[in-house]
Amino acid sequence: TNPRFPNVSSFLDENPKGFGLMQRDRNFEHYLDGVY
């Protein structure tokens, strides 16, 4: 999200198997920008 004010969300866990910031939308038509 692009929030009105700074926001921190916490997801409690123990020995996580993984996490990451993903770019799932791979359709060029959804961006139409030459910076790809």
All heavy atoms as atom14 arrays in JSON, in Angstrom:
{
  "sequence": "TNPRFPNVSSFLDENPKGFGLMQRDRNFEHYLDGVY",
  "atom14_mask": [
    [1, 1, 1, 1, 1, 1, 1, 0, 0, 0, 0, 0, 0, 0],
    [1, 1, 1, 1, 1, 1, 1, 1, 0, 0, 0, 0, 0, 0],
    [1, 1, 1, 1, 1, 1, 1, 0, 0, 0, 0, 0, 0, 0],
    [1, 1, 1, 1, 1, 1, 1, 1, 1, 1, 1, 0, 0, 0],
    [1, 1, 1, 1, 1, 1, 1, 1, 1, 1, 1, 0, 0, 0],
    [1, 1, 1, 1, 1, 1, 1, 0, 0, 0, 0, 0, 0, 0],
    [1, 1, 1, 1, 1, 1, 1, 1, 0, 0, 0, 0, 0, 0],
    [1, 1, 1, 1, 1, 1, 1, 0, 0, 0, 0, 0, 0, 0],
    [1, 1, 1, 1, 1, 1, 0, 0, 0, 0, 0, 0, 0, 0],
    [1, 1, 1, 1, 1, 1, 0, 0, 0, 0, 0, 0, 0, 0],
    [1, 1, 1, 1, 1, 1, 1, 1, 1, 1, 1, 0, 0, 0],
    [1, 1, 1, 1, 1, 1, 1, 1, 0, 0, 0, 0, 0, 0],
    [1, 1, 1, 1, 1, 1, 1, 1, 0, 0, 0, 0, 0, 0],
    [1, 1, 1, 1, 1, 1, 1, 1, 1, 0, 0, 0, 0, 0],
    [1, 1, 1, 1, 1, 1, 1, 1, 0, 0, 0, 0, 0, 0],
    [1, 1, 1, 1, 1, 1, 1, 0, 0, 0, 0, 0, 0, 0],
    [1, 1, 1, 1, 1, 1, 1, 1, 1, 0, 0, 0, 0, 0],
    [1, 1, 1, 1, 0, 0, 0, 0, 0, 0, 0, 0, 0, 0],
    [1, 1, 1, 1, 1, 1, 1, 1, 1, 1, 1, 0, 0, 0],
    [1, 1, 1, 1, 0, 0, 0, 0, 0, 0, 0, 0, 0, 0],
    [1, 1, 1, 1, 1, 1, 1, 1, 0, 0, 0, 0, 0, 0],
    [1, 1, 1, 1, 1, 1, 1, 1, 0, 0, 0, 0, 0, 0],
    [1, 1, 1, 1, 1, 1, 1, 1, 1, 0, 0, 0, 0, 0],
    [1, 1, 1, 1, 1, 1, 1, 1, 1, 1, 1, 0, 0, 0],
    [1, 1, 1, 1, 1, 1, 1, 1, 0, 0, 0, 0, 0, 0],
    [1, 1, 1, 1, 1, 1, 1, 1, 1, 1, 1, 0, 0, 0],
    [1, 1, 1, 1, 1, 1, 1, 1, 0, 0, 0, 0, 0, 0],
    [1, 1, 1, 1, 1, 1, 1, 1, 1, 1, 1, 0, 0, 0],
    [1, 1, 1, 1, 1, 1, 1, 1, 1, 0, 0, 0, 0, 0],
    [1, 1, 1, 1, 1, 1, 1, 1, 1, 1, 0, 0, 0, 0],
    [1, 1, 1, 1, 1, 1, 1, 1, 1, 1, 1, 1, 0, 0],
    [1, 1, 1, 1, 1, 1, 1, 1, 0, 0, 0, 0, 0, 0],
    [1, 1, 1, 1, 1, 1, 1, 1, 0, 0, 0, 0, 0, 0],
    [1, 1, 1, 1, 0, 0, 0, 0, 0, 0, 0, 0, 0, 0],
    [1, 1, 1, 1, 1, 1, 1, 0, 0, 0, 0, 0, 0, 0],
    [1, 1, 1, 1, 1, 1, 1, 1, 1, 1, 1, 1, 0, 0]
  ],
  "atom14_positions": [
    [[0.84, -1.19, 0.0], [0.0, 0.0, 0.0], [0.88, 1.24, 0.0], [2.07, 1.18, 0.31], [-0.94, 0.04, 1.23], [-0.15, 0.23, 2.42], [-1.74, -1.24, 1.36], [0.0, 0.0, 0.0], [0.0, 0.0, 0.0], [0.0, 0.0, 0.0], [0.0, 0.0, 0.0], [0.0, 0.0, 0.0], [0.0, 0.0, 0.0], [0.0, 0.0, 0.0]],
    [[0.27, 2.37, -0.34], [0.92, 3.67, -0.32], [0.15, 4.5, 0.72], [-0.76, 5.24, 0.37], [0.86, 4.31, -1.7], [1.65, 5.6, -1.81], [2.19, 6.11, -0.82], [1.71, 6.15, -3.02], [0.0, 0.0, 0.0], [0.0, 0.0, 0.0], [0.0, 0.0, 0.0], [0.0, 0.0, 0.0], [0.0, 0.0, 0.0], [0.0, 0.0, 0.0]],
    [[0.49, 4.38, 2.0], [-0.38, 4.87, 3.07], [-0.32, 6.38, 3.26], [0.61, 7.05, 2.82], [0.16, 4.15, 4.3], [1.62, 4.0, 4.01], [1.71, 3.76, 2.52], [0.0, 0.0, 0.0], [0.0, 0.0, 0.0], [0.0, 0.0, 0.0], [0.0, 0.0, 0.0], [0.0, 0.0, 0.0], [0.0, 0.0, 0.0], [0.0, 0.0, 0.0]],
    [[-1.33, 6.91, 3.96], [-1.34, 8.34, 4.29], [-0.19, 8.67, 5.23], [0.44, 9.73, 5.13], [-2.66, 8.72, 4.95], [-3.87, 8.66, 4.05], [-5.14, 9.1, 4.78], [-5.38, 8.3, 5.97], [-5.47, 8.78, 7.21], [-5.33, 10.07, 7.42], [-5.71, 7.98, 8.23], [0.0, 0.0, 0.0], [0.0, 0.0, 0.0], [0.0, 0.0, 0.0]],
    [[0.08, 7.78, 6.19], [1.12, 7.99, 7.19], [2.0, 6.74, 7.23], [1.57, 5.65, 6.83], [0.51, 8.26, 8.57], [-0.4, 9.44, 8.61], [-1.78, 9.28, 8.72], [0.1, 10.73, 8.51], [-2.63, 10.37, 8.75], [-0.73, 11.83, 8.53], [-2.1, 11.65, 8.66], [0.0, 0.0, 0.0], [0.0, 0.0, 0.0], [0.0, 0.0, 0.0]],
    [[3.24, 6.87, 7.73], [4.1, 5.69, 7.83], [3.42, 4.55, 8.59], [2.78, 4.75, 9.61], [5.33, 6.21, 8.59], [5.36, 7.67, 8.27], [3.92, 8.1, 8.18], [0.0, 0.0, 0.0], [0.0, 0.0, 0.0], [0.0, 0.0, 0.0], [0.0, 0.0, 0.0], [0.0, 0.0, 0.0], [0.0, 0.0, 0.0], [0.0, 0.0, 0.0]],
    [[3.58, 3.37, 8.05], [2.92, 2.19, 8.63], [3.91, 1.04, 8.71], [4.67, 0.79, 7.76], [1.72, 1.79, 7.78], [1.09, 0.49, 8.24], [0.58, 0.4, 9.35], [1.16, -0.54, 7.41], [0.0, 0.0, 0.0], [0.0, 0.0, 0.0], [0.0, 0.0, 0.0], [0.0, 0.0, 0.0], [0.0, 0.0, 0.0], [0.0, 0.0, 0.0]],
    [[3.94, 0.33, 9.84], [4.74, -0.87, 10.01], [3.82, -2.01, 10.41], [3.11, -1.91, 11.41], [5.86, -0.69, 11.05], [6.62, -2.0, 11.24], [6.82, 0.43, 10.63], [0.0, 0.0, 0.0], [0.0, 0.0, 0.0], [0.0, 0.0, 0.0], [0.0, 0.0, 0.0], [0.0, 0.0, 0.0], [0.0, 0.0, 0.0], [0.0, 0.0, 0.0]],
    [[3.82, -3.08, 9.62], [3.04, -4.28, 9.92], [4.0, -5.38, 10.34], [5.04, -5.58, 9.69], [2.24, -4.73, 8.7], [1.32, -3.72, 8.29], [0.0, 0.0, 0.0], [0.0, 0.0, 0.0], [0.0, 0.0, 0.0], [0.0, 0.0, 0.0], [0.0, 0.0, 0.0], [0.0, 0.0, 0.0], [0.0, 0.0, 0.0], [0.0, 0.0, 0.0]],
    [[3.67, -6.09, 11.41], [4.53, -7.15, 11.94], [3.83, -8.5, 11.81], [2.65, -8.63, 12.12], [4.86, -6.89, 13.41], [5.62, -5.71, 13.56], [0.0, 0.0, 0.0], [0.0, 0.0, 0.0], [0.0, 0.0, 0.0], [0.0, 0.0, 0.0], [0.0, 0.0, 0.0], [0.0, 0.0, 0.0], [0.0, 0.0, 0.0], [0.0, 0.0, 0.0]],
    [[4.58, -9.48, 11.35], [4.08, -10.84, 11.18], [4.93, -11.76, 12.04], [6.05, -12.14, 11.65], [4.13, -11.24, 9.7], [3.45, -10.24, 8.79], [4.18, -9.17, 8.25], [2.11, -10.35, 8.48], [3.57, -8.25, 7.41], [1.5, -9.42, 7.65], [2.22, -8.37, 7.12], [0.0, 0.0, 0.0], [0.0, 0.0, 0.0], [0.0, 0.0, 0.0]],
    [[4.42, -12.1, 13.23], [5.17, -12.9, 14.19], [5.43, -14.3, 13.63], [4.55, -14.9, 13.01], [4.42, -12.99, 15.51], [4.17, -11.67, 16.24], [3.34, -11.91, 17.5], [5.48, -10.99, 16.58], [0.0, 0.0, 0.0], [0.0, 0.0, 0.0], [0.0, 0.0, 0.0], [0.0, 0.0, 0.0], [0.0, 0.0, 0.0], [0.0, 0.0, 0.0]],
    [[6.62, -14.82, 13.89], [6.96, -16.13, 13.35], [8.13, -16.72, 14.12], [8.78, -16.04, 14.93], [7.3, -16.02, 11.86], [7.09, -17.31, 11.1], [6.72, -18.32, 11.72], [7.31, -17.32, 9.87], [0.0, 0.0, 0.0], [0.0, 0.0, 0.0], [0.0, 0.0, 0.0], [0.0, 0.0, 0.0], [0.0, 0.0, 0.0], [0.0, 0.0, 0.0]],
    [[8.41, -17.98, 13.84], [9.58, -18.66, 14.38], [10.21, -19.46, 13.26], [9.55, -20.27, 12.6], [9.2, -19.58, 15.54], [10.39, -20.3, 16.16], [10.03, -21.12, 17.39], [8.84, -21.16, 17.75], [10.95, -21.71, 18.01], [0.0, 0.0, 0.0], [0.0, 0.0, 0.0], [0.0, 0.0, 0.0], [0.0, 0.0, 0.0], [0.0, 0.0, 0.0]],
    [[11.48, -19.22, 13.01], [12.21, -19.88, 11.94], [11.44, -19.86, 10.62], [11.05, -20.91, 10.08], [12.56, -21.32, 12.33], [13.63, -21.37, 13.39], [14.58, -20.61, 13.38], [13.47, -22.29, 14.34], [0.0, 0.0, 0.0], [0.0, 0.0, 0.0], [0.0, 0.0, 0.0], [0.0, 0.0, 0.0], [0.0, 0.0, 0.0], [0.0, 0.0, 0.0]],
    [[11.2, -18.68, 10.08], [10.48, -18.59, 8.8], [11.23, -19.31, 7.69], [12.45, -19.36, 7.68], [10.42, -17.09, 8.54], [11.62, -16.54, 9.26], [11.73, -17.37, 10.51], [0.0, 0.0, 0.0], [0.0, 0.0, 0.0], [0.0, 0.0, 0.0], [0.0, 0.0, 0.0], [0.0, 0.0, 0.0], [0.0, 0.0, 0.0], [0.0, 0.0, 0.0]],
    [[10.47, -19.87, 6.78], [11.08, -20.55, 5.64], [11.51, -19.56, 4.56], [12.36, -19.87, 3.72], [10.12, -21.58, 5.06], [9.85, -22.76, 5.99], [8.89, -23.75, 5.33], [8.77, -25.03, 6.15], [8.11, -24.8, 7.45], [0.0, 0.0, 0.0], [0.0, 0.0, 0.0], [0.0, 0.0, 0.0], [0.0, 0.0, 0.0], [0.0, 0.0, 0.0]],
    [[10.91, -18.37, 4.57], [11.31, -17.37, 3.6], [10.36, -16.19, 3.57], [9.23, -16.26, 4.05], [0.0, 0.0, 0.0], [0.0, 0.0, 0.0], [0.0, 0.0, 0.0], [0.0, 0.0, 0.0], [0.0, 0.0, 0.0], [0.0, 0.0, 0.0], [0.0, 0.0, 0.0], [0.0, 0.0, 0.0], [0.0, 0.0, 0.0], [0.0, 0.0, 0.0]],
    [[10.85, -15.09, 3.01], [10.02, -13.91, 2.78], [10.67, -13.09, 1.67], [11.86, -13.24, 1.39], [9.84, -13.07, 4.06], [11.1, -12.43, 4.57], [11.45, -11.14, 4.2], [11.95, -13.11, 5.44], [12.61, -10.54, 4.68], [13.11, -12.52, 5.92], [13.44, -11.23, 5.54], [0.0, 0.0, 0.0], [0.0, 0.0, 0.0], [0.0, 0.0, 0.0]],
    [[9.87, -12.24, 1.05], [10.46, -11.42, -0.01], [9.48, -10.4, -0.56], [8.26, -10.53, -0.4], [0.0, 0.0, 0.0], [0.0, 0.0, 0.0], [0.0, 0.0, 0.0], [0.0, 0.0, 0.0], [0.0, 0.0, 0.0], [0.0, 0.0, 0.0], [0.0, 0.0, 0.0], [0.0, 0.0, 0.0], [0.0, 0.0, 0.0], [0.0, 0.0, 0.0]],
    [[10.04, -9.39, -1.19], [9.25, -8.41, -1.93], [9.21, -8.86, -3.39], [10.26, -9.03, -4.03], [9.86, -7.02, -1.82], [9.76, -6.37, -0.44], [10.53, -5.06, -0.39], [8.3, -6.14, -0.04], [0.0, 0.0, 0.0], [0.0, 0.0, 0.0], [0.0, 0.0, 0.0], [0.0, 0.0, 0.0], [0.0, 0.0, 0.0], [0.0, 0.0, 0.0]],
    [[8.0, -9.08, -3.89], [7.83, -9.7, -5.19], [7.21, -8.73, -6.19], [6.44, -7.83, -5.82], [6.92, -10.94, -5.07], [7.2, -11.83, -3.86], [8.92, -12.41, -3.78], [8.93, -13.57, -5.14], [0.0, 0.0, 0.0], [0.0, 0.0, 0.0], [0.0, 0.0, 0.0], [0.0, 0.0, 0.0], [0.0, 0.0, 0.0], [0.0, 0.0, 0.0]],
    [[7.56, -8.94, -7.45], [6.92, -8.24, -8.56], [6.17, -9.31, -9.35], [6.73, -9.98, -10.22], [7.94, -7.51, -9.42], [7.38, -6.73, -10.6], [6.75, -5.41, -10.22], [6.03, -5.33, -9.21], [7.01, -4.37, -10.99], [0.0, 0.0, 0.0], [0.0, 0.0, 0.0], [0.0, 0.0, 0.0], [0.0, 0.0, 0.0], [0.0, 0.0, 0.0]],
    [[4.89, -9.5, -9.04], [4.13, -10.57, -9.67], [3.53, -10.18, -11.01], [3.38, -11.02, -11.89], [3.02, -11.05, -8.73], [3.52, -11.99, -7.64], [2.38, -12.61, -6.86], [2.9, -13.59, -5.91], [2.17, -14.2, -4.99], [0.87, -13.91, -4.87], [2.72, -15.08, -4.17], [0.0, 0.0, 0.0], [0.0, 0.0, 0.0], [0.0, 0.0, 0.0]],
    [[3.16, -8.94, -11.15], [2.51, -8.49, -12.38], [3.55, -8.33, -13.48], [4.37, -7.4, -13.44], [1.76, -7.18, -12.14], [0.83, -6.82, -13.29], [1.07, -7.31, -14.41], [-0.11, -6.03, -13.07], [0.0, 0.0, 0.0], [0.0, 0.0, 0.0], [0.0, 0.0, 0.0], [0.0, 0.0, 0.0], [0.0, 0.0, 0.0], [0.0, 0.0, 0.0]],
    [[3.53, -9.22, -14.46], [4.53, -9.23, -15.54], [3.96, -8.84, -16.89], [4.56, -9.13, -17.93], [5.15, -10.64, -15.63], [5.89, -11.08, -14.38], [7.14, -10.27, -14.17], [7.82, -10.58, -12.92], [8.91, -9.94, -12.49], [9.43, -8.98, -13.23], [9.46, -10.25, -11.34], [0.0, 0.0, 0.0], [0.0, 0.0, 0.0], [0.0, 0.0, 0.0]],
    [[2.83, -8.16, -16.88], [2.17, -7.76, -18.11], [2.59, -6.34, -18.48], [2.26, -5.38, -17.78], [0.65, -7.84, -17.94], [-0.1, -7.64, -19.24], [0.38, -7.01, -20.17], [-1.31, -8.19, -19.3], [0.0, 0.0, 0.0], [0.0, 0.0, 0.0], [0.0, 0.0, 0.0], [0.0, 0.0, 0.0], [0.0, 0.0, 0.0], [0.0, 0.0, 0.0]],
    [[3.3, -6.19, -19.6], [3.76, -4.87, -20.01], [2.61, -3.89, -20.18], [2.74, -2.69, -19.91], [4.55, -4.97, -21.32], [4.95, -3.64, -21.88], [6.04, -2.94, -21.38], [4.21, -3.05, -22.92], [6.4, -1.7, -21.9], [4.56, -1.82, -23.44], [5.66, -1.14, -22.92], [0.0, 0.0, 0.0], [0.0, 0.0, 0.0], [0.0, 0.0, 0.0]],
    [[1.47, -4.38, -20.64], [0.33, -3.5, -20.87], [-0.17, -2.86, -19.58], [-0.91, -1.87, -19.62], [-0.82, -4.29, -21.53], [-0.48, -4.85, -22.9], [-0.2, -3.75, -23.92], [-0.85, -2.69, -23.83], [0.64, -3.96, -24.81], [0.0, 0.0, 0.0], [0.0, 0.0, 0.0], [0.0, 0.0, 0.0], [0.0, 0.0, 0.0], [0.0, 0.0, 0.0]],
    [[0.21, -3.42, -18.45], [-0.2, -2.84, -17.18], [0.72, -1.7, -16.73], [0.45, -1.05, -15.72], [-0.22, -3.92, -16.09], [-1.28, -4.95, -16.32], [-1.43, -6.06, -15.5], [-2.25, -5.05, -17.27], [-2.44, -6.79, -15.94], [-2.95, -6.2, -17.01], [0.0, 0.0, 0.0], [0.0, 0.0, 0.0], [0.0, 0.0, 0.0], [0.0, 0.0, 0.0]],
    [[1.8, -1.46, -17.47], [2.75, -0.38, -17.15], [2.94, 0.6, -18.31], [3.02, 1.81, -18.09], [4.11, -0.97, -16.76], [4.06, -1.96, -15.63], [3.98, -3.33, -15.89], [4.08, -1.54, -14.31], [3.94, -4.25, -14.86], [4.04, -2.45, -13.27], [3.97, -3.81, -13.56], [3.91, -4.72, -12.53], [0.0, 0.0, 0.0], [0.0, 0.0, 0.0]],
    [[3.09, 0.06, -19.52], [3.25, 0.88, -20.73], [4.44, 1.83, -20.64], [4.41, 2.95, -21.14], [1.97, 1.7, -21.0], [0.7, 0.88, -21.24], [-0.5, 1.81, -21.37], [0.83, 0.0, -22.48], [0.0, 0.0, 0.0], [0.0, 0.0, 0.0], [0.0, 0.0, 0.0], [0.0, 0.0, 0.0], [0.0, 0.0, 0.0], [0.0, 0.0, 0.0]],
    [[5.52, 1.38, -20.02], [6.66, 2.25, -19.77], [7.93, 1.58, -20.26], [8.17, 0.4, -19.99], [6.77, 2.55, -18.27], [7.68, 3.73, -17.98], [8.68, 3.9, -18.68], [7.39, 4.49, -17.05], [0.0, 0.0, 0.0], [0.0, 0.0, 0.0], [0.0, 0.0, 0.0], [0.0, 0.0, 0.0], [0.0, 0.0, 0.0], [0.0, 0.0, 0.0]],
    [[8.77, 2.35, -20.96], [10.02, 1.83, -21.49], [11.08, 1.54, -20.47], [12.15, 1.03, -20.83], [0.0, 0.0, 0.0], [0.0, 0.0, 0.0], [0.0, 0.0, 0.0], [0.0, 0.0, 0.0], [0.0, 0.0, 0.0], [0.0, 0.0, 0.0], [0.0, 0.0, 0.0], [0.0, 0.0, 0.0], [0.0, 0.0, 0.0], [0.0, 0.0, 0.0]],
    [[10.84, 1.85, -19.19], [11.8, 1.44, -18.15], [11.5, 0.02, -17.67], [12.2, -0.5, -16.82], [11.8, 2.42, -16.95], [12.21, 3.8, -17.41], [10.45, 2.45, -16.24], [0.0, 0.0, 0.0], [0.0, 0.0, 0.0], [0.0, 0.0, 0.0], [0.0, 0.0, 0.0], [0.0, 0.0, 0.0], [0.0, 0.0, 0.0], [0.0, 0.0, 0.0]],
    [[10.46, -0.6, -18.21], [10.18, -2.02, -18.03], [9.99, -2.44, -16.57], [10.71, -3.27, -16.05], [11.26, -2.87, -18.7], [11.35, -2.65, -20.19], [12.46, -2.03, -20.75], [10.31, -3.04, -21.02], [12.53, -1.79, -22.13], [10.37, -2.81, -22.39], [11.49, -2.19, -22.93], [11.54, -1.97, -24.28], [0.0, 0.0, 0.0], [0.0, 0.0, 0.0]]
  ]
}
